[in-house]
Amino acid sequence: MDSLNTIRERKTKKTHRKPANAIVVWWLGIVPRLSFFLAGLLGVLLCLGLFFGFRSCYYKRNPHFMVAPQAINIMGNATISRAYILECFGMNQPRNGYELVTSDIVERLQTQMPLVKNVQMTYVQGDRVDLWVEERMPLARIAGDNRPPLFVDEEGVIFTFARSSGNYPEIGGFDLPEEMMPGSRLPEQLHCMLRLLLTVSNTAEYFNSAVKRVMLLGLDPDDGLVVTLVDGRKITIAWENMSTETETSEAMLQRIRNVSIVLKSNAARGLKHFNAMAADRVTMSE
């Protein structure tokens, strides 16, 4: 009986198998679809090949788009020479204008030259390339025996500057980390110095004398600052949260106004030291 049942099961299984002609029909239905897909893919690849070939021949090899070095117009470069920019970035020989504006020159100028704040490049077809460079302007020189001297702008970016450093105020009383170099940023807790310098740069409105030096009073910026004016007067000043604030505060402005009023008064004549640590008064001494 067991062998008879086994034979019946095998017969039953055979009845569920697809006939050979059904497989052939299924395959014949797939082949046209597969052929259509392959033909479409081949067409796309062919179009891409034609596009890039046309682009290479028309844009990259077309002499109409070549720009000579003398047709590269560089603007805004007060301290970085035109010849230096052309040499550093391989623009001292004829180059394709489209290649120039799509290259990494703009990014490299911003990342490899800390003095550069912003860059824009445009190509006028068949004519010239315009490269506009915005250089950073020093707000202060960092005190110390730095060779070459280090400067900092209002954003706190550290950089070197080729021009004379004698006309810029100093900031100091702190040690820069060893890893600080051109392109780094001044630590945030020291930016209170920069905000103070920016505010009092208008001598007609505030101190009626330019600032010569701003130094930390202690080890911590919250201890206060010592501001030395060009005329020799010194101002000790502090305000709340000066090492953690991220923008010019009313607390700082109020103390500067207080000092300004006192400096311009008859009572301040001949006095050299002014203390503006308190919010509501300024004390004076010889």
C-alpha atoms as a PDB file:
ATOM      1  CA  MET A   1       0.000   0.000   0.000  1.00  0.00           C
ATOM      2  CA  ASP A   2       2.858   2.385   0.848  1.00  0.00           C
ATOM      3  CA  SER A   3       4.409   1.951  -2.578  1.00  0.00           C
ATOM      4  CA  LEU A   4       1.036   2.518  -4.235  1.00  0.00           C
ATOM      5  CA  ASN A   5       0.518   5.781  -2.324  1.00  0.00           C
ATOM      6  CA  THR A   6       4.000   6.920  -3.266  1.00  0.00           C
ATOM      7  CA  ILE A   7       3.276   6.350  -6.949  1.00  0.00           C
ATOM      8  CA  ARG A   8       0.013   8.317  -6.649  1.00  0.00           C
ATOM      9  CA  GLU A   9       1.815  11.251  -4.957  1.00  0.00           C
ATOM     10  CA  ARG A  10       4.388  11.360  -7.738  1.00  0.00           C
ATOM     11  CA  LYS A  11       1.639  11.403 -10.347  1.00  0.00           C
ATOM     12  CA  THR A  12      -0.116  14.191  -8.473  1.00  0.00           C
ATOM     13  CA  LYS A  13       3.104  16.293  -8.416  1.00  0.00           C
ATOM     14  CA  LYS A  14       3.627  15.773 -12.101  1.00  0.00           C
ATOM     15  CA  THR A  15       0.209  17.189 -12.828  1.00  0.00           C
ATOM     16  CA  HIS A  16       1.247  20.540 -11.193  1.00  0.00           C
ATOM     17  CA  ARG A  17       4.338  21.080 -13.320  1.00  0.00           C
ATOM     18  CA  LYS A  18       4.196  23.714 -16.056  1.00  0.00           C
ATOM     19  CA  PRO A  19       4.169  22.185 -19.475  1.00  0.00           C
ATOM     20  CA  ALA A  20       7.192  22.885 -21.653  1.00  0.00           C
ATOM     21  CA  ASN A  21       5.176  24.907 -24.122  1.00  0.00           C
ATOM     22  CA  ALA A  22       4.036  27.280 -21.285  1.00  0.00           C
ATOM     23  CA  ILE A  23       7.664  28.023 -20.378  1.00  0.00           C
ATOM     24  CA  VAL A  24       8.441  28.768 -23.996  1.00  0.00           C
ATOM     25  CA  VAL A  25       5.502  31.184 -24.221  1.00  0.00           C
ATOM     26  CA  TRP A  26       6.615  32.930 -20.986  1.00  0.00           C
ATOM     27  CA  TRP A  27      10.164  33.320 -22.263  1.00  0.00           C
ATOM     28  CA  LEU A  28       8.956  34.628 -25.617  1.00  0.00           C
ATOM     29  CA  GLY A  29       6.985  37.280 -23.702  1.00  0.00           C
ATOM     30  CA  ILE A  30      10.026  38.371 -21.681  1.00  0.00           C
ATOM     31  CA  VAL A  31      12.470  38.626 -24.566  1.00  0.00           C
ATOM     32  CA  PRO A  32      10.778  41.618 -26.294  1.00  0.00           C
ATOM     33  CA  ARG A  33      10.570  43.516 -23.004  1.00  0.00           C
ATOM     34  CA  LEU A  34      14.195  42.821 -22.218  1.00  0.00           C
ATOM     35  CA  SER A  35      15.219  43.849 -25.707  1.00  0.00           C
ATOM     36  CA  PHE A  36      13.230  47.074 -25.374  1.00  0.00           C
ATOM     37  CA  PHE A  37      14.888  47.858 -22.000  1.00  0.00           C
ATOM     38  CA  LEU A  38      18.388  47.202 -23.362  1.00  0.00           C
ATOM     39  CA  ALA A  39      17.695  49.299 -26.421  1.00  0.00           C
ATOM     40  CA  GLY A  40      16.473  52.161 -24.211  1.00  0.00           C
ATOM     41  CA  LEU A  41      19.529  51.908 -21.966  1.00  0.00           C
ATOM     42  CA  LEU A  42      21.821  51.905 -24.972  1.00  0.00           C
ATOM     43  CA  GLY A  43      20.035  54.981 -26.305  1.00  0.00           C
ATOM     44  CA  VAL A  44      20.499  56.849 -23.000  1.00  0.00           C
ATOM     45  CA  LEU A  45      24.198  55.984 -22.882  1.00  0.00           C
ATOM     46  CA  LEU A  46      24.605  57.065 -26.483  1.00  0.00           C
ATOM     47  CA  CYS A  47      22.904  60.413 -25.758  1.00  0.00           C
ATOM     48  CA  LEU A  48      25.108  60.975 -22.725  1.00  0.00           C
ATOM     49  CA  GLY A  49      28.187  60.178 -24.766  1.00  0.00           C
ATOM     50  CA  LEU A  50      27.136  62.609 -27.471  1.00  0.00           C
ATOM     51  CA  PHE A  51      26.362  65.311 -24.885  1.00  0.00           C
ATOM     52  CA  PHE A  52      29.685  65.070 -23.088  1.00  0.00           C
ATOM     53  CA  GLY A  53      31.532  64.780 -26.373  1.00  0.00           C
ATOM     54  CA  PHE A  54      29.805  67.917 -27.657  1.00  0.00           C
ATOM     55  CA  ARG A  55      30.464  69.695 -24.381  1.00  0.00           C
ATOM     56  CA  SER A  56      34.126  68.772 -24.472  1.00  0.00           C
ATOM     57  CA  CYS A  57      34.567  69.854 -28.079  1.00  0.00           C
ATOM     58  CA  TYR A  58      32.394  72.962 -27.958  1.00  0.00           C
ATOM     59  CA  TYR A  59      33.145  74.400 -24.526  1.00  0.00           C
ATOM     60  CA  LYS A  60      36.540  73.049 -23.537  1.00  0.00           C
ATOM     61  CA  ARG A  61      38.335  73.000 -26.897  1.00  0.00           C
ATOM     62  CA  ASN A  62      36.670  75.942 -28.564  1.00  0.00           C
ATOM     63  CA  PRO A  63      39.293  78.720 -28.914  1.00  0.00           C
ATOM     64  CA  HIS A  64      36.503  81.298 -28.660  1.00  0.00           C
ATOM     65  CA  PHE A  65      36.256  80.563 -24.917  1.00  0.00           C
ATOM     66  CA  MET A  66      39.988  80.844 -24.178  1.00  0.00           C
ATOM     67  CA  VAL A  67      40.941  83.726 -21.891  1.00  0.00           C
ATOM     68  CA  ALA A  68      44.435  85.217 -21.908  1.00  0.00           C
ATOM     69  CA  PRO A  69      46.016  86.283 -18.573  1.00  0.00           C
ATOM     70  CA  GLN A  70      45.735  89.950 -19.520  1.00  0.00           C
ATOM     71  CA  ALA A  71      41.978  89.466 -19.921  1.00  0.00           C
ATOM     72  CA  ILE A  72      41.615  88.347 -16.279  1.00  0.00           C
ATOM     73  CA  ASN A  73      40.401  91.410 -14.412  1.00  0.00           C
ATOM     74  CA  ILE A  74      41.183  91.287 -10.660  1.00  0.00           C
ATOM     75  CA  MET A  75      39.470  93.859  -8.434  1.00  0.00           C
ATOM     76  CA  GLY A  76      39.537  94.680  -4.730  1.00  0.00           C
ATOM     77  CA  ASN A  77      43.041  93.358  -4.084  1.00  0.00           C
ATOM     78  CA  ALA A  78      44.674  96.096  -2.029  1.00  0.00           C
ATOM     79  CA  THR A  79      47.561  94.048  -0.603  1.00  0.00           C
ATOM     80  CA  ILE A  80      47.599  90.785  -2.587  1.00  0.00           C
ATOM     81  CA  SER A  81      49.244  91.497  -5.933  1.00  0.00           C
ATOM     82  CA  ARG A  82      47.594  90.552  -9.197  1.00  0.00           C
ATOM     83  CA  ALA A  83      50.744  88.722 -10.333  1.00  0.00           C
ATOM     84  CA  TYR A  84      50.759  86.652  -7.129  1.00  0.00           C
ATOM     85  CA  ILE A  85      47.144  85.536  -7.603  1.00  0.00           C
ATOM     86  CA  LEU A  86      47.724  84.625 -11.260  1.00  0.00           C
ATOM     87  CA  GLU A  87      50.856  82.657 -10.411  1.00  0.00           C
ATOM     88  CA  CYS A  88      49.421  80.791  -7.401  1.00  0.00           C
ATOM     89  CA  PHE A  89      46.310  79.626  -9.189  1.00  0.00           C
ATOM     90  CA  GLY A  90      47.720  78.805 -12.613  1.00  0.00           C
ATOM     91  CA  MET A  91      46.103  81.708 -14.438  1.00  0.00           C
ATOM     92  CA  ASN A  92      49.325  83.015 -15.955  1.00  0.00           C
ATOM     93  CA  GLN A  93      48.630  81.248 -19.259  1.00  0.00           C
ATOM     94  CA  PRO A  94      45.562  81.046 -21.536  1.00  0.00           C
ATOM     95  CA  ARG A  95      42.732  79.144 -19.844  1.00  0.00           C
ATOM     96  CA  ASN A  96      39.199  78.166 -20.798  1.00  0.00           C
ATOM     97  CA  GLY A  97      36.805  80.685 -19.267  1.00  0.00           C
ATOM     98  CA  TYR A  98      34.180  78.080 -18.366  1.00  0.00           C
ATOM     99  CA  GLU A  99      36.813  75.902 -16.715  1.00  0.00           C
ATOM    100  CA  LEU A 100      38.022  78.841 -14.633  1.00  0.00           C
ATOM    101  CA  VAL A 101      34.622  79.751 -13.201  1.00  0.00           C
ATOM    102  CA  THR A 102      33.783  76.112 -12.426  1.00  0.00           C
ATOM    103  CA  SER A 103      37.177  75.312 -10.898  1.00  0.00           C
ATOM    104  CA  ASP A 104      38.106  75.379  -7.208  1.00  0.00           C
ATOM    105  CA  ILE A 105      39.944  78.699  -7.440  1.00  0.00           C
ATOM    106  CA  VAL A 106      37.310  80.625  -5.464  1.00  0.00           C
ATOM    107  CA  GLU A 107      37.236  78.005  -2.708  1.00  0.00           C
ATOM    108  CA  ARG A 108      41.043  77.869  -2.533  1.00  0.00           C
ATOM    109  CA  LEU A 109      41.345  81.644  -2.322  1.00  0.00           C
ATOM    110  CA  GLN A 110      38.996  81.663   0.671  1.00  0.00           C
ATOM    111  CA  THR A 111      40.578  78.703   2.458  1.00  0.00           C
ATOM    112  CA  GLN A 112      44.277  79.140   1.633  1.00  0.00           C
ATOM    113  CA  MET A 113      44.522  82.914   1.997  1.00  0.00           C
ATOM    114  CA  PRO A 114      43.249  84.041   5.432  1.00  0.00           C
ATOM    115  CA  LEU A 115      43.512  87.675   4.314  1.00  0.00           C
ATOM    116  CA  VAL A 116      40.733  87.038   1.777  1.00  0.00           C
ATOM    117  CA  LYS A 117      37.227  87.433   3.186  1.00  0.00           C
ATOM    118  CA  ASN A 118      35.088  86.893   0.104  1.00  0.00           C
ATOM    119  CA  VAL A 119      35.610  86.057  -3.591  1.00  0.00           C
ATOM    120  CA  GLN A 120      33.414  86.134  -6.676  1.00  0.00           C
ATOM    121  CA  MET A 121      34.313  85.089 -10.209  1.00  0.00           C
ATOM    122  CA  THR A 122      32.333  85.642 -13.404  1.00  0.00           C
ATOM    123  CA  TYR A 123      33.068  84.922 -17.075  1.00  0.00           C
ATOM    124  CA  VAL A 124      31.998  87.256 -19.868  1.00  0.00           C
ATOM    125  CA  GLN A 125      31.890  84.935 -22.885  1.00  0.00           C
ATOM    126  CA  GLY A 126      34.537  85.633 -25.482  1.00  0.00           C
ATOM    127  CA  ASP A 127      35.822  88.635 -23.544  1.00  0.00           C
ATOM    128  CA  ARG A 128      37.214  88.340 -19.998  1.00  0.00           C
ATOM    129  CA  VAL A 129      37.062  86.835 -16.521  1.00  0.00           C
ATOM    130  CA  ASP A 130      36.274  89.167 -13.594  1.00  0.00           C
ATOM    131  CA  LEU A 131      37.670  88.111 -10.214  1.00  0.00           C
ATOM    132  CA  TRP A 132      36.486  90.272  -7.323  1.00  0.00           C
ATOM    133  CA  VAL A 133      38.426  89.870  -4.071  1.00  0.00           C
ATOM    134  CA  GLU A 134      37.314  91.323  -0.731  1.00  0.00           C
ATOM    135  CA  GLU A 135      40.238  91.481   1.663  1.00  0.00           C
ATOM    136  CA  ARG A 136      39.936  91.502   5.442  1.00  0.00           C
ATOM    137  CA  MET A 137      40.637  94.816   7.119  1.00  0.00           C
ATOM    138  CA  PRO A 138      42.638  94.753  10.367  1.00  0.00           C
ATOM    139  CA  LEU A 139      40.859  95.963  13.451  1.00  0.00           C
ATOM    140  CA  ALA A 140      43.819  95.409  15.784  1.00  0.00           C
ATOM    141  CA  ARG A 141      47.283  93.912  15.978  1.00  0.00           C
ATOM    142  CA  ILE A 142      47.910  91.089  18.431  1.00  0.00           C
ATOM    143  CA  ALA A 143      50.617  92.163  20.877  1.00  0.00           C
ATOM    144  CA  GLY A 144      53.759  90.053  21.148  1.00  0.00           C
ATOM    145  CA  ASP A 145      56.832  89.069  19.193  1.00  0.00           C
ATOM    146  CA  ASN A 146      54.900  87.450  16.378  1.00  0.00           C
ATOM    147  CA  ARG A 147      56.892  87.226  13.160  1.00  0.00           C
ATOM    148  CA  PRO A 148      55.300  88.209  10.917  1.00  0.00           C
ATOM    149  CA  PRO A 149      52.901  90.352  12.986  1.00  0.00           C
ATOM    150  CA  LEU A 150      49.415  88.920  13.439  1.00  0.00           C
ATOM    151  CA  PHE A 151      46.266  90.961  12.958  1.00  0.00           C
ATOM    152  CA  VAL A 152      42.615  90.312  13.692  1.00  0.00           C
ATOM    153  CA  ASP A 153      39.490  91.679  12.004  1.00  0.00           C
ATOM    154  CA  GLU A 154      36.056  92.402  13.465  1.00  0.00           C
ATOM    155  CA  GLU A 155      35.031  88.743  12.973  1.00  0.00           C
ATOM    156  CA  GLY A 156      37.983  87.542  15.042  1.00  0.00           C
ATOM    157  CA  VAL A 157      39.868  85.990  12.097  1.00  0.00           C
ATOM    158  CA  ILE A 158      43.655  86.058  12.518  1.00  0.00           C
ATOM    159  CA  PHE A 159      45.827  86.880   9.508  1.00  0.00           C
ATOM    160  CA  THR A 160      49.061  88.543   8.424  1.00  0.00           C
ATOM    161  CA  PHE A 161      49.064  91.957   6.788  1.00  0.00           C
ATOM    162  CA  ALA A 162      51.733  93.403   4.534  1.00  0.00           C
ATOM    163  CA  ARG A 163      51.220  97.059   5.362  1.00  0.00           C
ATOM    164  CA  SER A 164      52.641  99.019   8.293  1.00  0.00           C
ATOM    165  CA  SER A 165      51.244  97.958  11.656  1.00  0.00           C
ATOM    166  CA  GLY A 166      51.898 101.240  13.466  1.00  0.00           C
ATOM    167  CA  ASN A 167      48.432 102.697  12.939  1.00  0.00           C
ATOM    168  CA  TYR A 168      46.463  99.837  14.468  1.00  0.00           C
ATOM    169  CA  PRO A 169      45.669  99.421  18.178  1.00  0.00           C
ATOM    170  CA  GLU A 170      47.092  96.452  20.035  1.00  0.00           C
ATOM    171  CA  ILE A 171      45.186  93.823  21.964  1.00  0.00           C
ATOM    172  CA  GLY A 172      47.030  91.653  24.465  1.00  0.00           C
ATOM    173  CA  GLY A 173      47.420  90.322  27.976  1.00  0.00           C
ATOM    174  CA  PHE A 174      46.688  86.787  26.832  1.00  0.00           C
ATOM    175  CA  ASP A 175      48.624  83.878  25.357  1.00  0.00           C
ATOM    176  CA  LEU A 176      47.386  82.444  22.090  1.00  0.00           C
ATOM    177  CA  PRO A 177      47.206  78.635  21.911  1.00  0.00           C
ATOM    178  CA  GLU A 178      50.137  77.149  20.017  1.00  0.00           C
ATOM    179  CA  GLU A 179      47.857  75.899  17.255  1.00  0.00           C
ATOM    180  CA  MET A 180      46.684  79.453  16.540  1.00  0.00           C
ATOM    181  CA  MET A 181      47.890  80.550  13.122  1.00  0.00           C
ATOM    182  CA  PRO A 182      46.683  82.702  10.220  1.00  0.00           C
ATOM    183  CA  GLY A 183      43.198  81.520   9.359  1.00  0.00           C
ATOM    184  CA  SER A 184      42.320  80.642  12.970  1.00  0.00           C
ATOM    185  CA  ARG A 185      39.839  82.645  15.031  1.00  0.00           C
ATOM    186  CA  LEU A 186      40.478  84.537  18.224  1.00  0.00           C
ATOM    187  CA  PRO A 187      38.865  82.693  21.179  1.00  0.00           C
ATOM    188  CA  GLU A 188      35.265  83.841  21.684  1.00  0.00           C
ATOM    189  CA  GLN A 189      35.851  85.046  25.253  1.00  0.00           C
ATOM    190  CA  LEU A 190      38.273  87.675  23.906  1.00  0.00           C
ATOM    191  CA  HIS A 191      35.838  89.159  21.398  1.00  0.00           C
ATOM    192  CA  CYS A 192      34.768  91.742  23.990  1.00  0.00           C
ATOM    193  CA  MET A 193      37.984  93.553  23.056  1.00  0.00           C
ATOM    194  CA  LEU A 194      36.944  93.655  19.415  1.00  0.00           C
ATOM    195  CA  ARG A 195      33.447  94.926  20.199  1.00  0.00           C
ATOM    196  CA  LEU A 196      34.868  97.701  22.369  1.00  0.00           C
ATOM    197  CA  LEU A 197      37.316  98.778  19.630  1.00  0.00           C
ATOM    198  CA  LEU A 198      34.563  98.796  17.016  1.00  0.00           C
ATOM    199  CA  THR A 199      32.355 100.944  19.212  1.00  0.00           C
ATOM    200  CA  VAL A 200      34.918 103.601  20.181  1.00  0.00           C
ATOM    201  CA  SER A 201      36.451 103.872  16.696  1.00  0.00           C
ATOM    202  CA  ASN A 202      34.293 106.986  16.316  1.00  0.00           C
ATOM    203  CA  THR A 203      36.451 109.277  18.441  1.00  0.00           C
ATOM    204  CA  ALA A 204      34.202 112.290  17.866  1.00  0.00           C
ATOM    205  CA  GLU A 205      31.336 110.511  19.621  1.00  0.00           C
ATOM    206  CA  TYR A 206      33.197 108.714  22.392  1.00  0.00           C
ATOM    207  CA  PHE A 207      36.735 108.994  23.767  1.00  0.00           C
ATOM    208  CA  ASN A 208      37.972 112.040  21.744  1.00  0.00           C
ATOM    209  CA  SER A 209      41.262 110.149  21.377  1.00  0.00           C
ATOM    210  CA  ALA A 210      42.123 107.013  19.467  1.00  0.00           C
ATOM    211  CA  VAL A 211      42.782 103.766  21.325  1.00  0.00           C
ATOM    212  CA  LYS A 212      46.407 102.675  21.445  1.00  0.00           C
ATOM    213  CA  ARG A 213      46.089  99.406  23.385  1.00  0.00           C
ATOM    214  CA  VAL A 214      43.515  97.119  25.027  1.00  0.00           C
ATOM    215  CA  MET A 215      44.863  94.639  27.575  1.00  0.00           C
ATOM    216  CA  LEU A 216      43.280  92.121  29.945  1.00  0.00           C
ATOM    217  CA  LEU A 217      43.225  93.406  33.511  1.00  0.00           C
ATOM    218  CA  GLY A 218      43.638  89.884  34.929  1.00  0.00           C
ATOM    219  CA  LEU A 219      43.821  86.321  33.730  1.00  0.00           C
ATOM    220  CA  ASP A 220      40.117  86.176  32.894  1.00  0.00           C
ATOM    221  CA  PRO A 221      38.333  88.592  30.515  1.00  0.00           C
ATOM    222  CA  ASP A 222      35.573  88.996  33.120  1.00  0.00           C
ATOM    223  CA  ASP A 223      38.154  90.686  35.385  1.00  0.00           C
ATOM    224  CA  GLY A 224      38.021  93.678  33.064  1.00  0.00           C
ATOM    225  CA  LEU A 225      40.065  95.524  30.436  1.00  0.00           C
ATOM    226  CA  VAL A 226      42.645  98.296  30.547  1.00  0.00           C
ATOM    227  CA  VAL A 227      42.207 100.697  27.629  1.00  0.00           C
ATOM    228  CA  THR A 228      45.151 102.996  26.861  1.00  0.00           C
ATOM    229  CA  LEU A 229      44.448 106.008  24.674  1.00  0.00           C
ATOM    230  CA  VAL A 230      46.948 107.620  22.306  1.00  0.00           C
ATOM    231  CA  ASP A 231      47.038 110.724  24.533  1.00  0.00           C
ATOM    232  CA  GLY A 232      48.244 108.587  27.488  1.00  0.00           C
ATOM    233  CA  ARG A 233      45.019 108.336  29.515  1.00  0.00           C
ATOM    234  CA  LYS A 234      44.011 104.899  30.816  1.00  0.00           C
ATOM    235  CA  ILE A 235      40.531 103.519  31.359  1.00  0.00           C
ATOM    236  CA  THR A 236      39.765 100.452  33.457  1.00  0.00           C
ATOM    237  CA  ILE A 237      36.437  99.031  32.336  1.00  0.00           C
ATOM    238  CA  ALA A 238      34.277  95.940  32.837  1.00  0.00           C
ATOM    239  CA  TRP A 239      30.657  94.935  32.314  1.00  0.00           C
ATOM    240  CA  GLU A 240      28.421  91.959  32.992  1.00  0.00           C
ATOM    241  CA  ASN A 241      28.899  88.779  30.904  1.00  0.00           C
ATOM    242  CA  MET A 242      31.627  90.407  28.835  1.00  0.00           C
ATOM    243  CA  SER A 243      33.367  87.078  28.135  1.00  0.00           C
ATOM    244  CA  THR A 244      30.224  85.183  27.115  1.00  0.00           C
ATOM    245  CA  GLU A 245      28.117  87.720  25.222  1.00  0.00           C
ATOM    246  CA  THR A 246      27.998  87.313  21.446  1.00  0.00           C
ATOM    247  CA  GLU A 247      27.073  90.858  20.434  1.00  0.00           C
ATOM    248  CA  THR A 248      27.454  94.429  21.592  1.00  0.00           C
ATOM    249  CA  SER A 249      25.579  94.801  24.875  1.00  0.00           C
ATOM    250  CA  GLU A 250      23.850  97.756  26.467  1.00  0.00           C
ATOM    251  CA  ALA A 251      25.974  97.172  29.578  1.00  0.00           C
ATOM    252  CA  MET A 252      29.142  97.925  27.592  1.00  0.00           C
ATOM    253  CA  LEU A 253      27.606 100.890  25.800  1.00  0.00           C
ATOM    254  CA  GLN A 254      26.439 102.431  29.061  1.00  0.00           C
ATOM    255  CA  ARG A 255      29.913 102.346  30.584  1.00  0.00           C
ATOM    256  CA  ILE A 256      31.455 103.781  27.434  1.00  0.00           C
ATOM    257  CA  ARG A 257      28.940 106.635  27.486  1.00  0.00           C
ATOM    258  CA  ASN A 258      29.748 107.307  31.136  1.00  0.00           C
ATOM    259  CA  VAL A 259      33.475 107.457  30.368  1.00  0.00           C
ATOM    260  CA  SER A 260      32.882 109.679  27.340  1.00  0.00           C
ATOM    261  CA  ILE A 261      31.003 112.254  29.393  1.00  0.00           C
ATOM    262  CA  VAL A 262      33.716 112.361  32.043  1.00  0.00           C
ATOM    263  CA  LEU A 263      36.612 112.557  29.550  1.00  0.00           C
ATOM    264  CA  LYS A 264      35.060 115.600  27.895  1.00  0.00           C
ATOM    265  CA  SER A 265      34.348 117.385  31.175  1.00  0.00           C
ATOM    266  CA  ASN A 266      36.500 120.078  32.782  1.00  0.00           C
ATOM    267  CA  ALA A 267      36.898 117.876  35.860  1.00  0.00           C
ATOM    268  CA  ALA A 268      39.000 115.404  33.862  1.00  0.00           C
ATOM    269  CA  ARG A 269      41.683 117.896  32.841  1.00  0.00           C
ATOM    270  CA  GLY A 270      45.154 116.711  33.774  1.00  0.00           C
ATOM    271  CA  LEU A 271      43.922 113.343  35.078  1.00  0.00           C
ATOM    272  CA  LYS A 272      45.231 110.125  33.592  1.00  0.00           C
ATOM    273  CA  HIS A 273      43.313 107.227  35.173  1.00  0.00           C
ATOM    274  CA  PHE A 274      39.579 106.529  34.893  1.00  0.00           C
ATOM    275  CA  ASN A 275      37.730 103.606  36.442  1.00  0.00           C
ATOM    276  CA  ALA A 276      34.488 102.502  34.760  1.00  0.00           C
ATOM    277  CA  MET A 277      34.032  99.166  36.502  1.00  0.00           C
ATOM    278  CA  ALA A 278      30.734 100.271  38.038  1.00  0.00           C
ATOM    279  CA  ALA A 279      27.595 100.716  35.967  1.00  0.00           C
ATOM    280  CA  ASP A 280      26.554 104.075  37.404  1.00  0.00           C
ATOM    281  CA  ARG A 281      29.766 106.055  37.948  1.00  0.00           C
ATOM    282  CA  VAL A 282      33.320 106.750  36.783  1.00  0.00           C
ATOM    283  CA  THR A 283      36.092 107.530  39.248  1.00  0.00           C
ATOM    284  CA  MET A 284      39.184 109.573  38.324  1.00  0.00           C
ATOM    285  CA  SER A 285      42.766 109.832  39.584  1.00  0.00           C
ATOM    286  CA  GLU A 286      46.129 111.151  38.532  1.00  0.00           C
END
